[in-house]
Amino acid sequence: MKLARKLAEFEFQGVTVYPKKLERARGELLAVIAAVKDRVWERLGKKVDLDSPKSLTEALKEHLGLGKTIRAKSLSPRRLEELSISHRDAQPIVEYKRLRKQLKLIESIAAAATGNKVYPLFNEVRSSSGRLSSSDPSLFEQDGLDAVRACISPTLRDFFPDRQKSLDCLEAESKDAHLKSDRSGRRRGNKFMAKHDTMKGLDHNEFLLSVICGESGPAISRRFMLQRMEVDSACHDLRMRYGRLFQWLSGFREEAEKRGYVTGPGGRKYLAGLQSSSIENREKAADASVRWLIGW
């Protein structure tokens, strides 16, 4: 109830945004996008309108020799991610698309601002885990969390999902000594993952949280543009390294299914599906219970 009242206040009084920071974030994104675009053109061997689905699809068919494989006139974002797993020349295109999505997010917030305020509508039920979302404008899109957080009033920042806080929670609950040791140099990422051939250069926290929260192998493969064999190997090694963490997670999920609800700093949360007769529904609800606990 306290959260609902707080969100109602934000909707009525507005959320402070910082126009200069939004403009700076936009400028930085534009610079990165331009560099990635040049890299794509270099890979394709010619300049192509990357925002034209038809032009981009034709260029990929020609460059990668996939005329028979790619039958559609344009590629969906998911199909493009799948393609990038086996064709590295397509990976900068996926990066470009994701950056463009972040740019649109920043621009939509700036456009929705009245002075230095935005008046979003909040939603706590759109996500099965109760993860907060908003519209007019959207503030909590996963791809743009870091960029948006820096441009928003500190009074709302605590409502943003935070990788470090989520892993802090898991570290405290599981008391996994390896997790604590590997995260001791947090600015440099995860020490264990940084030495792993597959996980070098990835967002270590994002990858680990994807595995912890039960994201499927194909979904992780698309998100990080890795072969399934690489994903399976990395997931196995993480489970072996953080045996105590995953043992605790297994117990937490089992207890949630047994009770039909979970408890944590946010109180008690009932999740539909925890006691379903469907194994798939129970697994999805158990994943959501982990996300609820750690705020991810």
Protein backbone atom coordinates (compact mmCIF):
# COMPACT_ATOMS: atom_id res chain seq x y z
CA MET A 1 0.00 0.00 0.00
CA LYS A 2 2.86 2.36 0.81
CA LEU A 3 4.36 1.71 -2.62
CA ALA A 4 1.02 2.33 -4.33
CA ARG A 5 0.65 5.66 -2.52
CA LYS A 6 4.18 6.67 -3.44
CA LEU A 7 3.63 5.85 -7.10
CA ALA A 8 0.34 7.74 -7.06
CA GLU A 9 2.24 10.78 -5.77
CA PHE A 10 4.74 10.47 -8.59
CA GLU A 11 1.93 10.28 -11.14
CA PHE A 12 0.22 13.37 -9.70
CA GLN A 13 3.25 15.52 -8.85
CA GLY A 14 5.47 14.29 -11.66
CA VAL A 15 8.98 12.88 -11.72
CA THR A 16 11.90 15.26 -12.09
CA VAL A 17 14.13 14.69 -15.09
CA TYR A 18 17.32 16.49 -16.02
CA PRO A 19 17.10 17.86 -19.59
CA LYS A 20 20.85 18.53 -19.84
CA LYS A 21 21.65 14.97 -18.80
CA LEU A 22 19.09 13.63 -21.26
CA GLU A 23 20.69 15.67 -24.04
CA ARG A 24 24.15 14.52 -23.01
CA ALA A 25 23.02 10.89 -22.98
CA ARG A 26 21.46 11.38 -26.41
CA GLY A 27 24.68 12.88 -27.77
CA GLU A 28 26.79 10.05 -26.38
CA LEU A 29 24.45 7.45 -27.86
CA LEU A 30 24.51 9.16 -31.25
CA ALA A 31 28.31 9.06 -31.26
CA VAL A 32 28.38 5.36 -30.42
CA ILE A 33 25.67 4.63 -32.99
CA ALA A 34 27.67 6.42 -35.69
CA ALA A 35 30.76 4.35 -34.86
CA VAL A 36 28.80 1.09 -34.93
CA LYS A 37 27.16 2.09 -38.22
CA ASP A 38 30.60 2.62 -39.78
CA ARG A 39 31.61 -0.83 -38.53
CA VAL A 40 28.53 -2.39 -40.12
CA TRP A 41 29.17 -0.66 -43.43
CA GLU A 42 32.76 -1.87 -43.35
CA ARG A 43 31.60 -5.45 -42.77
CA LEU A 44 28.99 -5.26 -45.53
CA GLY A 45 31.37 -3.54 -47.93
CA LYS A 46 28.93 -0.73 -48.72
CA LYS A 47 26.69 1.89 -47.15
CA VAL A 48 23.21 0.63 -46.40
CA ASP A 49 20.20 2.25 -44.77
CA LEU A 50 20.22 0.23 -41.54
CA ASP A 51 16.82 1.61 -40.56
CA SER A 52 15.21 0.22 -43.70
CA PRO A 53 14.28 -3.45 -43.03
CA LYS A 54 14.09 -4.19 -46.74
CA SER A 55 17.47 -2.64 -47.62
CA LEU A 56 19.17 -4.30 -44.66
CA THR A 57 17.73 -7.72 -45.45
CA GLU A 58 18.81 -7.50 -49.09
CA ALA A 59 22.33 -6.43 -48.05
CA LEU A 60 22.62 -9.38 -45.64
CA LYS A 61 21.39 -11.82 -48.25
CA GLU A 62 24.02 -10.54 -50.66
CA HIS A 63 26.89 -10.28 -48.18
CA LEU A 64 26.33 -13.54 -46.32
CA GLY A 65 25.03 -15.54 -49.28
CA LEU A 66 21.82 -16.39 -47.46
CA GLY A 67 19.33 -15.71 -50.23
CA LYS A 68 17.75 -19.15 -49.83
CA THR A 69 17.89 -19.11 -46.04
CA ILE A 70 16.40 -15.63 -45.61
CA ARG A 71 13.16 -15.77 -47.54
CA ALA A 72 11.36 -12.91 -45.82
CA LYS A 73 11.60 -9.36 -47.15
CA SER A 74 12.74 -8.14 -43.75
CA LEU A 75 14.21 -9.69 -40.64
CA SER A 76 12.53 -9.51 -37.24
CA PRO A 77 14.77 -8.47 -34.30
CA ARG A 78 14.65 -12.04 -32.99
CA ARG A 79 15.62 -13.56 -36.36
CA LEU A 80 18.45 -11.06 -36.65
CA GLU A 81 19.75 -12.08 -33.23
CA GLU A 82 19.57 -15.75 -34.22
CA LEU A 83 21.44 -14.99 -37.43
CA SER A 84 24.17 -13.12 -35.55
CA ILE A 85 25.02 -16.21 -33.47
CA SER A 86 26.44 -18.07 -36.45
CA HIS A 87 27.37 -15.04 -38.60
CA ARG A 88 29.58 -12.62 -36.68
CA ASP A 89 29.27 -9.94 -39.38
CA ALA A 90 25.63 -9.54 -38.32
CA GLN A 91 26.49 -8.87 -34.67
CA PRO A 92 27.23 -5.13 -35.10
CA ILE A 93 23.80 -4.81 -36.72
CA VAL A 94 22.15 -6.25 -33.60
CA GLU A 95 24.23 -3.86 -31.52
CA TYR A 96 23.09 -0.96 -33.72
CA LYS A 97 19.42 -1.93 -33.35
CA ARG A 98 19.73 -2.15 -29.57
CA LEU A 99 21.44 1.24 -29.39
CA ARG A 100 18.74 2.77 -31.57
CA LYS A 101 16.15 1.40 -29.15
CA GLN A 102 17.96 3.09 -26.25
CA LEU A 103 18.09 6.34 -28.22
CA LYS A 104 14.33 6.24 -28.86
CA LEU A 105 13.79 5.67 -25.15
CA ILE A 106 15.85 8.73 -24.19
CA GLU A 107 14.15 10.84 -26.87
CA SER A 108 10.68 9.73 -25.77
CA ILE A 109 11.40 10.82 -22.19
CA ALA A 110 12.69 14.20 -23.38
CA ALA A 111 9.62 14.63 -25.61
CA ALA A 112 7.24 13.76 -22.75
CA ALA A 113 8.82 16.27 -20.39
CA THR A 114 6.93 19.39 -19.39
CA GLY A 115 9.66 21.66 -18.14
CA ASN A 116 11.73 19.29 -16.05
CA LYS A 117 8.88 16.91 -15.17
CA VAL A 118 7.36 13.80 -16.70
CA TYR A 119 4.05 12.27 -15.59
CA PRO A 120 4.29 8.52 -16.22
CA LEU A 121 1.58 5.97 -15.48
CA PHE A 122 2.97 3.12 -13.37
CA ASN A 123 2.04 -0.54 -13.54
CA GLU A 124 2.93 -3.27 -11.03
CA VAL A 125 1.04 -6.17 -12.59
CA ARG A 126 2.30 -6.22 -16.17
CA SER A 127 5.24 -8.40 -15.09
CA SER A 128 4.60 -11.74 -13.39
CA SER A 129 7.29 -10.90 -10.83
CA GLY A 130 5.78 -7.51 -10.02
CA ARG A 131 8.60 -5.62 -11.71
CA LEU A 132 7.60 -1.98 -12.04
CA SER A 133 6.86 -0.61 -15.50
CA SER A 134 5.53 2.68 -16.78
CA SER A 135 4.04 4.28 -19.86
CA ASP A 136 3.91 7.84 -21.24
CA PRO A 137 6.91 7.65 -20.99
CA SER A 138 8.43 4.23 -20.44
CA LEU A 139 11.24 4.45 -17.88
CA PHE A 140 12.16 0.89 -16.99
CA GLU A 141 13.05 -0.77 -20.29
CA GLN A 142 15.83 -3.29 -19.64
CA ASP A 143 18.03 -2.16 -22.54
CA GLY A 144 18.11 1.44 -21.33
CA LEU A 145 18.18 1.15 -17.54
CA ASP A 146 21.61 2.65 -16.94
CA ALA A 147 21.17 5.56 -19.34
CA VAL A 148 17.72 6.51 -18.02
CA ARG A 149 18.59 6.08 -14.33
CA ALA A 150 21.25 8.80 -14.53
CA CYS A 151 18.76 11.29 -16.00
CA ILE A 152 16.02 10.79 -13.40
CA SER A 153 15.50 12.27 -9.94
CA PRO A 154 17.19 10.22 -7.17
CA THR A 155 13.76 9.84 -5.51
CA LEU A 156 12.77 7.39 -8.25
CA ARG A 157 16.11 5.66 -8.79
CA ASP A 158 15.52 3.18 -5.98
CA PHE A 159 12.64 1.77 -8.01
CA PHE A 160 14.95 0.86 -10.89
CA PRO A 161 16.21 -2.74 -11.10
CA ASP A 162 19.87 -2.77 -10.09
CA ARG A 163 22.22 -5.62 -11.01
CA GLN A 164 24.57 -4.99 -8.09
CA LYS A 165 21.75 -4.85 -5.53
CA SER A 166 20.19 -8.02 -6.92
CA LEU A 167 23.48 -9.90 -6.60
CA ASP A 168 24.08 -8.35 -3.16
CA CYS A 169 20.77 -9.91 -2.09
CA LEU A 170 21.71 -13.32 -3.49
CA GLU A 171 25.16 -13.14 -1.90
CA ALA A 172 23.65 -12.36 1.52
CA GLU A 173 20.91 -15.01 1.28
CA SER A 174 23.04 -17.86 -0.09
CA LYS A 175 26.28 -17.02 1.78
CA ASP A 176 28.21 -18.33 -1.22
CA ALA A 177 31.88 -17.63 -0.45
CA HIS A 178 32.93 -17.92 -4.10
CA LEU A 179 30.33 -15.37 -5.20
CA LYS A 180 31.53 -12.97 -2.51
CA SER A 181 35.18 -13.44 -3.48
CA ASP A 182 34.58 -13.13 -7.23
CA ARG A 183 32.62 -9.89 -6.78
CA SER A 184 35.14 -8.22 -4.46
CA GLY A 185 36.59 -6.19 -7.33
CA ARG A 186 33.21 -5.06 -8.67
CA ARG A 187 34.48 -2.33 -10.98
CA ARG A 188 36.35 -4.98 -12.89
CA GLY A 189 33.33 -7.29 -13.00
CA ASN A 190 33.34 -10.89 -11.87
CA LYS A 191 36.87 -12.31 -11.45
CA PHE A 192 35.89 -15.87 -12.33
CA MET A 193 33.82 -14.90 -15.35
CA ALA A 194 36.50 -12.51 -16.60
CA LYS A 195 38.90 -15.46 -17.00
CA HIS A 196 36.35 -17.70 -18.69
CA ASP A 197 36.85 -17.93 -22.47
CA THR A 198 33.13 -17.72 -23.24
CA MET A 199 32.24 -14.97 -20.77
CA LYS A 200 35.11 -12.57 -21.46
CA GLY A 201 33.83 -9.19 -22.59
CA LEU A 202 30.22 -9.87 -21.57
CA ASP A 203 28.24 -7.99 -18.96
CA HIS A 204 29.03 -10.45 -16.18
CA ASN A 205 26.22 -9.39 -13.86
CA GLU A 206 23.64 -9.47 -16.66
CA PHE A 207 24.75 -12.93 -17.75
CA LEU A 208 24.80 -14.38 -14.24
CA LEU A 209 21.37 -12.94 -13.42
CA SER A 210 19.98 -14.39 -16.65
CA VAL A 211 21.08 -17.86 -15.55
CA ILE A 212 19.92 -17.37 -11.94
CA CYS A 213 16.46 -16.19 -13.01
CA GLY A 214 15.88 -19.24 -15.18
CA GLU A 215 16.19 -17.66 -18.60
CA SER A 216 16.24 -20.37 -21.25
CA GLY A 217 19.37 -21.40 -23.12
CA PRO A 218 18.05 -20.13 -26.49
CA ALA A 219 17.08 -16.76 -24.94
CA ILE A 220 20.54 -16.34 -23.37
CA SER A 221 22.10 -17.37 -26.67
CA ARG A 222 20.20 -14.65 -28.54
CA ARG A 223 20.78 -11.97 -25.90
CA PHE A 224 24.55 -12.44 -25.78
CA MET A 225 24.96 -13.71 -29.36
CA LEU A 226 26.65 -16.93 -28.27
CA GLN A 227 26.46 -20.45 -29.64
CA ARG A 228 24.24 -22.76 -27.60
CA MET A 229 27.22 -24.97 -26.82
CA GLU A 230 29.03 -21.95 -25.37
CA VAL A 231 25.98 -20.98 -23.31
CA ASP A 232 25.54 -24.51 -21.97
CA SER A 233 29.22 -24.70 -21.06
CA ALA A 234 29.16 -21.31 -19.31
CA CYS A 235 25.98 -22.19 -17.39
CA HIS A 236 27.49 -25.49 -16.25
CA ASP A 237 30.67 -23.78 -15.07
CA LEU A 238 28.70 -21.13 -13.17
CA ARG A 239 26.63 -23.79 -11.44
CA MET A 240 29.77 -25.65 -10.45
CA ARG A 241 31.53 -22.50 -9.25
CA TYR A 242 28.54 -21.21 -7.27
CA GLY A 243 27.25 -24.53 -6.02
CA ARG A 244 26.04 -23.10 -2.73
CA LEU A 245 24.14 -20.30 -4.48
CA PHE A 246 22.33 -22.65 -6.84
CA GLN A 247 21.62 -25.10 -4.03
CA TRP A 248 20.02 -22.27 -2.06
CA LEU A 249 18.04 -21.19 -5.13
CA SER A 250 16.73 -24.72 -5.58
CA GLY A 251 15.56 -24.78 -1.96
CA PHE A 252 13.98 -21.34 -2.28
CA ARG A 253 12.04 -22.35 -5.37
CA GLU A 254 10.87 -25.61 -3.80
CA GLU A 255 9.67 -23.78 -0.69
CA ALA A 256 7.84 -21.21 -2.82
CA GLU A 257 6.01 -23.95 -4.73
CA LYS A 258 5.14 -25.71 -1.48
CA ARG A 259 3.71 -22.58 0.19
CA GLY A 260 2.27 -20.84 -2.85
CA TYR A 261 3.96 -17.60 -1.88
CA VAL A 262 7.37 -16.11 -1.13
CA THR A 263 8.61 -13.79 1.59
CA GLY A 264 11.36 -11.21 1.51
CA PRO A 265 12.22 -7.60 2.38
CA GLY A 266 9.13 -6.54 0.43
CA GLY A 267 6.83 -8.66 2.57
CA ARG A 268 4.85 -11.60 1.21
CA LYS A 269 4.08 -12.20 -2.45
CA TYR A 270 1.54 -14.67 -3.83
CA LEU A 271 2.33 -15.73 -7.38
CA ALA A 272 -0.19 -17.39 -9.65
CA GLY A 273 1.11 -20.73 -10.89
CA LEU A 274 3.31 -21.73 -7.95
CA GLN A 275 0.95 -24.61 -7.11
CA SER A 276 -0.28 -25.25 -10.62
CA SER A 277 -0.68 -28.82 -11.87
CA SER A 278 1.38 -27.75 -14.90
CA ILE A 279 5.13 -28.21 -14.44
CA GLU A 280 5.78 -25.42 -16.96
CA ASN A 281 3.56 -22.98 -15.07
CA ARG A 282 5.18 -23.88 -11.75
CA GLU A 283 8.66 -23.32 -13.19
CA LYS A 284 7.67 -19.94 -14.62
CA ALA A 285 6.16 -18.89 -11.30
CA ALA A 286 9.26 -20.07 -9.43
CA ASP A 287 11.44 -17.99 -11.78
CA ALA A 288 9.18 -15.01 -11.10
CA SER A 289 9.51 -15.57 -7.35
CA VAL A 290 13.32 -15.31 -7.62
CA ARG A 291 13.01 -12.13 -9.66
CA TRP A 292 10.61 -10.67 -7.09
CA LEU A 293 12.96 -11.43 -4.21
CA ILE A 294 15.99 -9.81 -5.80
CA GLY A 295 14.11 -6.99 -7.56
CA TRP A 296 15.14 -8.04 -11.03
